[in-house]
PDB file of N, CA and C in Angstrom:
ATOM      1  N   MET A   1     235.442  87.042  95.230  1.00  0.00           N
ATOM      2  CA  MET A   1     236.135  86.005  96.299  1.00  0.00           C
ATOM      3  C   MET A   1     235.459  86.453  97.721  1.00  0.00           C
ATOM      4  N   ASN A   2     234.775  85.657  98.318  1.00  0.00           N
ATOM      5  CA  ASN A   2     234.565  85.936  99.761  1.00  0.00           C
ATOM      6  C   ASN A   2     235.081  85.236 100.652  1.00  0.00           C
ATOM      7  N   GLU A   3     236.103  86.120 101.202  1.00  0.00           N
ATOM      8  CA  GLU A   3     237.181  85.500 102.194  1.00  0.00           C
ATOM      9  C   GLU A   3     236.714  85.450 103.722  1.00  0.00           C
ATOM     10  N   ASN A   4     235.380  85.826 103.676  1.00  0.00           N
ATOM     11  CA  ASN A   4     234.999  85.554 105.207  1.00  0.00           C
ATOM     12  C   ASN A   4     234.244  84.311 105.543  1.00  0.00           C
ATOM     13  N   ILE A   5     233.960  83.764 104.198  1.00  0.00           N
ATOM     14  CA  ILE A   5     233.844  82.107 104.499  1.00  0.00           C
ATOM     15  C   ILE A   5     234.679  81.213 104.476  1.00  0.00           C
ATOM     16  N   LYS A   6     234.816  80.335 105.522  1.00  0.00           N
ATOM     17  CA  LYS A   6     236.425  79.347 105.324  1.00  0.00           C
ATOM     18  C   LYS A   6     235.816  78.090 105.031  1.00  0.00           C
ATOM     19  N   PRO A   7     236.286  77.265 104.046  1.00  0.00           N
ATOM     20  CA  PRO A   7     237.494  77.983 103.122  1.00  0.00           C
ATOM     21  C   PRO A   7     236.796  79.027 102.248  1.00  0.00           C
ATOM     22  N   ALA A   8     237.510  79.991 101.780  1.00  0.00           N
ATOM     23  CA  ALA A   8     237.024  81.296 100.509  1.00  0.00           C
ATOM     24  C   ALA A   8     236.395  80.529  99.474  1.00  0.00           C
ATOM     25  N   GLU A   9     235.108  81.311  99.129  1.00  0.00           N
ATOM     26  CA  GLU A   9     234.386  81.009  98.168  1.00  0.00           C
ATOM     27  C   GLU A   9     234.389  81.944  97.143  1.00  0.00           C
ATOM     28  N   ILE A  10     234.406  81.283  95.952  1.00  0.00           N
ATOM     29  CA  ILE A  10     234.589  82.192  94.443  1.00  0.00           C
ATOM     30  C   ILE A  10     233.394  82.238  94.373  1.00  0.00           C
ATOM     31  N   ILE A  11     232.764  83.627  94.013  1.00  0.00           N
ATOM     32  CA  ILE A  11     231.554  83.967  93.750  1.00  0.00           C
ATOM     33  C   ILE A  11     231.064  84.332  92.567  1.00  0.00           C
ATOM     34  N   ALA A  12     232.095  85.149  91.785  1.00  0.00           N
ATOM     35  CA  ALA A  12     232.263  85.594  90.364  1.00  0.00           C
ATOM     36  C   ALA A  12     233.673  85.563  89.779  1.00  0.00           C
ATOM     37  N   PHE A  13     233.846  85.454  88.434  1.00  0.00           N
ATOM     38  CA  PHE A  13     235.017  85.665  87.762  1.00  0.00           C
ATOM     39  C   PHE A  13     234.654  85.927  86.165  1.00  0.00           C
ATOM     40  N   ASP A  14     235.729  86.189  85.738  1.00  0.00           N
ATOM     41  CA  ASP A  14     235.895  86.610  84.118  1.00  0.00           C
ATOM     42  C   ASP A  14     236.986  86.396  83.633  1.00  0.00           C
ATOM     43  N   PHE A  15     237.356  85.556  82.765  1.00  0.00           N
ATOM     44  CA  PHE A  15     238.694  85.279  82.308  1.00  0.00           C
ATOM     45  C   PHE A  15     238.473  85.197  80.887  1.00  0.00           C
ATOM     46  N   GLU A  16     239.340  85.530  80.361  1.00  0.00           N
ATOM     47  CA  GLU A  16     239.438  85.959  78.919  1.00  0.00           C
ATOM     48  C   GLU A  16     241.021  85.633  78.238  1.00  0.00           C
ATOM     49  N   ILE A  17     240.790  85.027  76.954  1.00  0.00           N
ATOM     50  CA  ILE A  17     242.090  84.798  76.654  1.00  0.00           C
ATOM     51  C   ILE A  17     241.983  85.212  75.110  1.00  0.00           C
ATOM     52  N   ARG A  18     242.877  85.853  74.377  1.00  0.00           N
ATOM     53  CA  ARG A  18     243.051  86.707  72.878  1.00  0.00           C
ATOM     54  C   ARG A  18     243.758  85.842  71.949  1.00  0.00           C
ATOM     55  N   PHE A  19     243.424  85.871  71.242  1.00  0.00           N
ATOM     56  CA  PHE A  19     244.175  85.351  70.093  1.00  0.00           C
ATOM     57  C   PHE A  19     244.836  86.159  68.871  1.00  0.00           C
ATOM     58  N   LEU A  20     245.713  85.523  68.022  1.00  0.00           N
ATOM     59  CA  LEU A  20     246.317  86.013  67.246  1.00  0.00           C
ATOM     60  C   LEU A  20     245.286  86.703  66.348  1.00  0.00           C
ATOM     61  N   GLU A  21     245.696  87.736  65.445  1.00  0.00           N
ATOM     62  CA  GLU A  21     244.847  88.199  64.618  1.00  0.00           C
ATOM     63  C   GLU A  21     244.512  87.446  63.387  1.00  0.00           C
ATOM     64  N   ASP A  22     245.274  86.319  63.059  1.00  0.00           N
ATOM     65  CA  ASP A  22     244.922  85.447  62.008  1.00  0.00           C
ATOM     66  C   ASP A  22     243.716  84.360  62.543  1.00  0.00           C
ATOM     67  N   ASN A  23     243.930  83.895  63.712  1.00  0.00           N
ATOM     68  CA  ASN A  23     242.753  83.384  64.064  1.00  0.00           C
ATOM     69  C   ASN A  23     241.268  83.610  63.700  1.00  0.00           C
ATOM     70  N   PRO A  24     240.513  82.720  63.330  1.00  0.00           N
ATOM     71  CA  PRO A  24     239.102  83.363  63.041  1.00  0.00           C
ATOM     72  C   PRO A  24     238.249  83.586  64.199  1.00  0.00           C
ATOM     73  N   THR A  25     238.483  82.996  65.600  1.00  0.00           N
ATOM     74  CA  THR A  25     238.249  83.385  66.858  1.00  0.00           C
ATOM     75  C   THR A  25     239.123  84.207  67.491  1.00  0.00           C
ATOM     76  N   LYS A  26     238.837  85.124  67.706  1.00  0.00           N
ATOM     77  CA  LYS A  26     239.533  86.179  68.397  1.00  0.00           C
ATOM     78  C   LYS A  26     239.671  86.234  69.860  1.00  0.00           C
ATOM     79  N   PHE A  27     238.634  85.604  70.326  1.00  0.00           N
ATOM     80  CA  PHE A  27     238.930  85.697  72.094  1.00  0.00           C
ATOM     81  C   PHE A  27     237.978  84.548  72.930  1.00  0.00           C
ATOM     82  N   LEU A  28     237.993  83.937  73.692  1.00  0.00           N
ATOM     83  CA  LEU A  28     237.138  82.973  74.411  1.00  0.00           C
ATOM     84  C   LEU A  28     236.996  83.614  75.956  1.00  0.00           C
ATOM     85  N   CYS A  29     236.177  83.828  76.095  1.00  0.00           N
ATOM     86  CA  CYS A  29     235.667  84.325  77.726  1.00  0.00           C
ATOM     87  C   CYS A  29     234.925  83.587  78.580  1.00  0.00           C
ATOM     88  N   PHE A  30     235.099  83.541  79.940  1.00  0.00           N
ATOM     89  CA  PHE A  30     234.297  82.548  80.693  1.00  0.00           C
ATOM     90  C   PHE A  30     234.212  83.306  81.591  1.00  0.00           C
ATOM     91  N   ASP A  31     232.520  83.552  81.859  1.00  0.00           N
ATOM     92  CA  ASP A  31     232.168  84.422  83.068  1.00  0.00           C
ATOM     93  C   ASP A  31     231.239  83.723  83.852  1.00  0.00           C
ATOM     94  N   LEU A  32     231.492  83.962  85.157  1.00  0.00           N
ATOM     95  CA  LEU A  32     230.466  83.444  86.223  1.00  0.00           C
ATOM     96  C   LEU A  32     230.092  84.952  87.146  1.00  0.00           C
ATOM     97  N   ASN A  33     228.501  85.095  86.898  1.00  0.00           N
ATOM     98  CA  ASN A  33     228.136  85.905  87.364  1.00  0.00           C
ATOM     99  C   ASN A  33     227.758  85.617  88.889  1.00  0.00           C
ATOM    100  N   ARG A  34     227.574  86.622  89.586  1.00  0.00           N
ATOM    101  CA  ARG A  34     227.039  86.513  91.034  1.00  0.00           C
ATOM    102  C   ARG A  34     225.638  86.325  90.993  1.00  0.00           C
ATOM    103  N   PRO A  35     225.004  85.506  91.710  1.00  0.00           N
ATOM    104  CA  PRO A  35     223.557  85.044  91.681  1.00  0.00           C
ATOM    105  C   PRO A  35     222.618  86.431  91.494  1.00  0.00           C
ATOM    106  N   GLU A  36     223.057  87.273  92.422  1.00  0.00           N
ATOM    107  CA  GLU A  36     222.176  88.659  92.075  1.00  0.00           C
ATOM    108  C   GLU A  36     222.072  89.235  91.034  1.00  0.00           C
ATOM    109  N   ASP A  37     223.045  88.851  90.029  1.00  0.00           N
ATOM    110  CA  ASP A  37     223.106  89.752  88.727  1.00  0.00           C
ATOM    111  C   ASP A  37     222.163  89.272  88.010  1.00  0.00           C
ATOM    112  N   ASN A  38     221.837  87.817  88.026  1.00  0.00           N
ATOM    113  CA  ASN A  38     220.722  87.366  87.103  1.00  0.00           C
ATOM    114  C   ASN A  38     220.676  87.892  85.712  1.00  0.00           C
ATOM    115  N   ASN A  39     221.534  87.626  85.021  1.00  0.00           N
ATOM    116  CA  ASN A  39     221.981  88.025  83.784  1.00  0.00           C
ATOM    117  C   ASN A  39     220.633  88.068  82.750  1.00  0.00           C
ATOM    118  N   GLU A  40     220.167  89.181  82.275  1.00  0.00           N
ATOM    119  CA  GLU A  40     219.334  89.405  81.315  1.00  0.00           C
ATOM    120  C   GLU A  40     217.920  88.719  82.039  1.00  0.00           C
ATOM    121  N   GLY A  41     217.792  88.504  82.895  1.00  0.00           N
ATOM    122  CA  GLY A  41     216.619  87.926  83.887  1.00  0.00           C
ATOM    123  C   GLY A  41     216.281  86.505  83.430  1.00  0.00           C
ATOM    124  N   LYS A  42     217.562  85.557  83.074  1.00  0.00           N
ATOM    125  CA  LYS A  42     217.229  84.245  82.342  1.00  0.00           C
ATOM    126  C   LYS A  42     218.140  83.541  83.562  1.00  0.00           C
ATOM    127  N   GLY A  43     218.412  83.753  84.729  1.00  0.00           N
ATOM    128  CA  GLY A  43     219.037  83.110  85.619  1.00  0.00           C
ATOM    129  C   GLY A  43     220.346  82.401  85.057  1.00  0.00           C
ATOM    130  N   LYS A  44     221.148  82.885  84.163  1.00  0.00           N
ATOM    131  CA  LYS A  44     222.395  81.933  83.676  1.00  0.00           C
ATOM    132  C   LYS A  44     223.329  82.974  84.630  1.00  0.00           C
ATOM    133  N   LEU A  45     224.169  81.912  85.225  1.00  0.00           N
ATOM    134  CA  LEU A  45     225.240  82.518  86.063  1.00  0.00           C
ATOM    135  C   LEU A  45     226.653  82.099  85.350  1.00  0.00           C
ATOM    136  N   PHE A  46     226.560  80.910  84.921  1.00  0.00           N
ATOM    137  CA  PHE A  46     227.887  80.749  84.035  1.00  0.00           C
ATOM    138  C   PHE A  46     227.877  80.575  82.522  1.00  0.00           C
ATOM    139  N   TYR A  47     228.667  81.138  81.968  1.00  0.00           N
ATOM    140  CA  TYR A  47     228.480  81.080  80.225  1.00  0.00           C
ATOM    141  C   TYR A  47     229.857  81.594  79.544  1.00  0.00           C
ATOM    142  N   ILE A  48     229.913  80.964  78.539  1.00  0.00           N
ATOM    143  CA  ILE A  48     231.303  81.412  77.473  1.00  0.00           C
ATOM    144  C   ILE A  48     230.761  82.420  76.058  1.00  0.00           C
ATOM    145  N   HIS A  49     231.603  83.205  76.041  1.00  0.00           N
ATOM    146  CA  HIS A  49     231.539  83.999  74.731  1.00  0.00           C
ATOM    147  C   HIS A  49     232.545  83.654  73.907  1.00  0.00           C
ATOM    148  N   PRO A  50     232.062  82.904  72.756  1.00  0.00           N
ATOM    149  CA  PRO A  50     233.129  82.370  71.982  1.00  0.00           C
ATOM    150  C   PRO A  50     233.686  83.342  70.937  1.00  0.00           C
ATOM    151  N   GLY A  51     234.391  84.131  70.852  1.00  0.00           N
ATOM    152  CA  GLY A  51     234.746  85.363  70.215  1.00  0.00           C
ATOM    153  C   GLY A  51     233.922  86.613  69.737  1.00  0.00           C
ATOM    154  N   ASN A  52     232.675  86.774  70.434  1.00  0.00           N
ATOM    155  CA  ASN A  52     231.776  87.528  70.109  1.00  0.00           C
ATOM    156  C   ASN A  52     230.882  87.691  71.451  1.00  0.00           C
ATOM    157  N   ASP A  53     231.069  89.133  71.944  1.00  0.00           N
ATOM    158  CA  ASP A  53     230.044  89.434  73.350  1.00  0.00           C
ATOM    159  C   ASP A  53     228.615  89.169  73.306  1.00  0.00           C
ATOM    160  N   ASP A  54     228.039  89.339  71.592  1.00  0.00           N
ATOM    161  CA  ASP A  54     226.916  88.912  71.638  1.00  0.00           C
ATOM    162  C   ASP A  54     226.539  87.494  71.917  1.00  0.00           C
ATOM    163  N   LEU A  55     227.184  86.817  71.520  1.00  0.00           N
ATOM    164  CA  LEU A  55     227.456  85.121  71.755  1.00  0.00           C
ATOM    165  C   LEU A  55     227.485  84.857  73.218  1.00  0.00           C
ATOM    166  N   MET A  56     226.314  83.961  73.724  1.00  0.00           N
ATOM    167  CA  MET A  56     226.610  83.654  75.057  1.00  0.00           C
ATOM    168  C   MET A  56     226.319  81.730  75.058  1.00  0.00           C
ATOM    169  N   ILE A  57     227.177  81.128  75.369  1.00  0.00           N
ATOM    170  CA  ILE A  57     226.845  79.649  75.477  1.00  0.00           C
ATOM    171  C   ILE A  57     226.647  79.417  77.099  1.00  0.00           C
ATOM    172  N   HIS A  58     225.455  79.014  77.656  1.00  0.00           N
ATOM    173  CA  HIS A  58     225.238  78.896  78.946  1.00  0.00           C
ATOM    174  C   HIS A  58     225.682  77.378  79.241  1.00  0.00           C
ATOM    175  N   GLY A  59     226.601  77.184  80.336  1.00  0.00           N
ATOM    176  CA  GLY A  59     226.939  75.784  80.681  1.00  0.00           C
ATOM    177  C   GLY A  59     227.051  75.494  82.282  1.00  0.00           C
ATOM    178  N   SER A  60     227.329  74.523  82.566  1.00  0.00           N
ATOM    179  CA  SER A  60     227.510  74.132  83.911  1.00  0.00           C
ATOM    180  C   SER A  60     228.984  74.873  84.504  1.00  0.00           C
ATOM    181  N   PRO A  61     229.112  75.439  85.612  1.00  0.00           N
ATOM    182  CA  PRO A  61     230.260  76.129  86.020  1.00  0.00           C
ATOM    183  C   PRO A  61     231.866  75.241  86.275  1.00  0.00           C
ATOM    184  N   ILE A  62     232.504  75.551  85.595  1.00  0.00           N
ATOM    185  CA  ILE A  62     233.965  75.053  85.775  1.00  0.00           C
ATOM    186  C   ILE A  62     234.668  76.000  86.613  1.00  0.00           C
ATOM    187  N   SER A  63     235.775  75.510  87.360  1.00  0.00           N
ATOM    188  CA  SER A  63     236.563  76.275  88.313  1.00  0.00           C
ATOM    189  C   SER A  63     237.322  77.057  87.466  1.00  0.00           C
ATOM    190  N   PRO A  64     238.334  77.983  88.133  1.00  0.00           N
ATOM    191  CA  PRO A  64     239.274  78.764  87.606  1.00  0.00           C
ATOM    192  C   PRO A  64     240.606  78.016  87.048  1.00  0.00           C
ATOM    193  N   LEU A  65     240.728  76.933  88.131  1.00  0.00           N
ATOM    194  CA  LEU A  65     242.071  76.092  87.839  1.00  0.00           C
ATOM    195  C   LEU A  65     241.377  75.530  86.444  1.00  0.00           C
ATOM    196  N   GLU A  66     240.546  74.812  85.989  1.00  0.00           N
ATOM    197  CA  GLU A  66     240.025  74.236  85.241  1.00  0.00           C
ATOM    198  C   GLU A  66     240.096  75.016  83.671  1.00  0.00           C
ATOM    199  N   ILE A  67     239.763  76.256  84.158  1.00  0.00           N
ATOM    200  CA  ILE A  67     239.850  77.298  82.577  1.00  0.00           C
ATOM    201  C   ILE A  67     241.345  77.262  82.554  1.00  0.00           C
ATOM    202  N   LEU A  68     242.208  77.837  83.553  1.00  0.00           N
ATOM    203  CA  LEU A  68     243.638  77.717  83.243  1.00  0.00           C
ATOM    204  C   LEU A  68     244.299  76.752  82.486  1.00  0.00           C
ATOM    205  N   HIS A  69     243.869  75.586  83.256  1.00  0.00           N
ATOM    206  CA  HIS A  69     244.382  74.151  82.512  1.00  0.00           C
ATOM    207  C   HIS A  69     244.046  74.315  80.842  1.00  0.00           C
ATOM    208  N   LEU A  70     242.715  74.750  80.884  1.00  0.00           N
ATOM    209  CA  LEU A  70     242.332  74.689  79.445  1.00  0.00           C
ATOM    210  C   LEU A  70     243.280  75.450  78.642  1.00  0.00           C
ATOM    211  N   PHE A  71     243.160  76.876  79.101  1.00  0.00           N
ATOM    212  CA  PHE A  71     244.160  78.090  78.411  1.00  0.00           C
ATOM    213  C   PHE A  71     245.756  77.520  78.156  1.00  0.00           C
ATOM    214  N   LEU A  72     246.166  76.909  78.934  1.00  0.00           N
ATOM    215  CA  LEU A  72     247.725  76.392  78.916  1.00  0.00           C
ATOM    216  C   LEU A  72     247.706  74.929  78.066  1.00  0.00           C
ATOM    217  N   TYR A  73     246.824  74.285  78.369  1.00  0.00           N
ATOM    218  CA  TYR A  73     247.231  72.872  77.741  1.00  0.00           C
ATOM    219  C   TYR A  73     246.332  72.437  76.678  1.00  0.00           C
ATOM    220  N   ASP A  74     244.892  72.672  76.895  1.00  0.00           N
ATOM    221  CA  ASP A  74     243.942  71.975  75.956  1.00  0.00           C
ATOM    222  C   ASP A  74     243.547  72.788  74.716  1.00  0.00           C
ATOM    223  N   LEU A  75     243.781  74.098  74.376  1.00  0.00           N
ATOM    224  CA  LEU A  75     243.471  75.030  73.454  1.00  0.00           C
ATOM    225  C   LEU A  75     244.380  74.368  72.092  1.00  0.00           C
ATOM    226  N   LYS A  76     244.056  74.084  71.122  1.00  0.00           N
ATOM    227  CA  LYS A  76     244.777  73.383  70.057  1.00  0.00           C
ATOM    228  C   LYS A  76     244.654  74.830  69.045  1.00  0.00           C
ATOM    229  N   LYS A  77     246.058  74.847  68.421  1.00  0.00           N
ATOM    230  CA  LYS A  77     246.123  75.802  67.121  1.00  0.00           C
ATOM    231  C   LYS A  77     245.103  75.381  66.102  1.00  0.00           C
ATOM    232  N   PRO A  78     244.613  76.372  65.863  1.00  0.00           N
ATOM    233  CA  PRO A  78     243.585  75.997  64.502  1.00  0.00           C
ATOM    234  C   PRO A  78     244.485  75.765  63.448  1.00  0.00           C
ATOM    235  N   GLU A  79     243.478  74.660  62.612  1.00  0.00           N
ATOM    236  CA  GLU A  79     244.632  74.555  61.320  1.00  0.00           C
ATOM    237  C   GLU A  79     243.957  75.414  60.248  1.00  0.00           C
ATOM    238  N   PRO A  80     244.827  75.713  59.411  1.00  0.00           N
ATOM    239  CA  PRO A  80     244.873  77.083  58.350  1.00  0.00           C
ATOM    240  C   PRO A  80     243.789  76.371  57.609  1.00  0.00           C
ATOM    241  N   PRO A  81     243.470  77.345  57.111  1.00  0.00           N
ATOM    242  CA  PRO A  81     241.929  77.174  55.956  1.00  0.00           C
ATOM    243  C   PRO A  81     242.451  76.377  55.009  1.00  0.00           C
ATOM    244  N   ARG A  82     241.574  75.378  54.283  1.00  0.00           N
ATOM    245  CA  ARG A  82     242.020  74.969  53.166  1.00  0.00           C
ATOM    246  C   ARG A  82     241.888  75.443  51.754  1.00  0.00           C
ATOM    247  N   THR A  83     242.817  75.631  50.788  1.00  0.00           N
ATOM    248  CA  THR A  83     242.631  76.186  49.833  1.00  0.00           C
ATOM    249  C   THR A  83     242.253  75.460  48.355  1.00  0.00           C
TER     250      THR A  83
END
């Protein structure tokens, strides 16, 4: 966070939520890189890791408050596998 700019500006973050062992998706991670990081030379600044650090889904940035809301209210418990 750059606090020298008024209002303060978020320049990078990394949010991760881990799920119970029986969940097929072990974690969900949201990353916003600094512009100078230039992830793998592809210019991707915001991406999601859906349970695997090697998988990246590029997307439009969302705010930390939107991510927190997603973690608290919008993630649904997965249905048990059908037998």
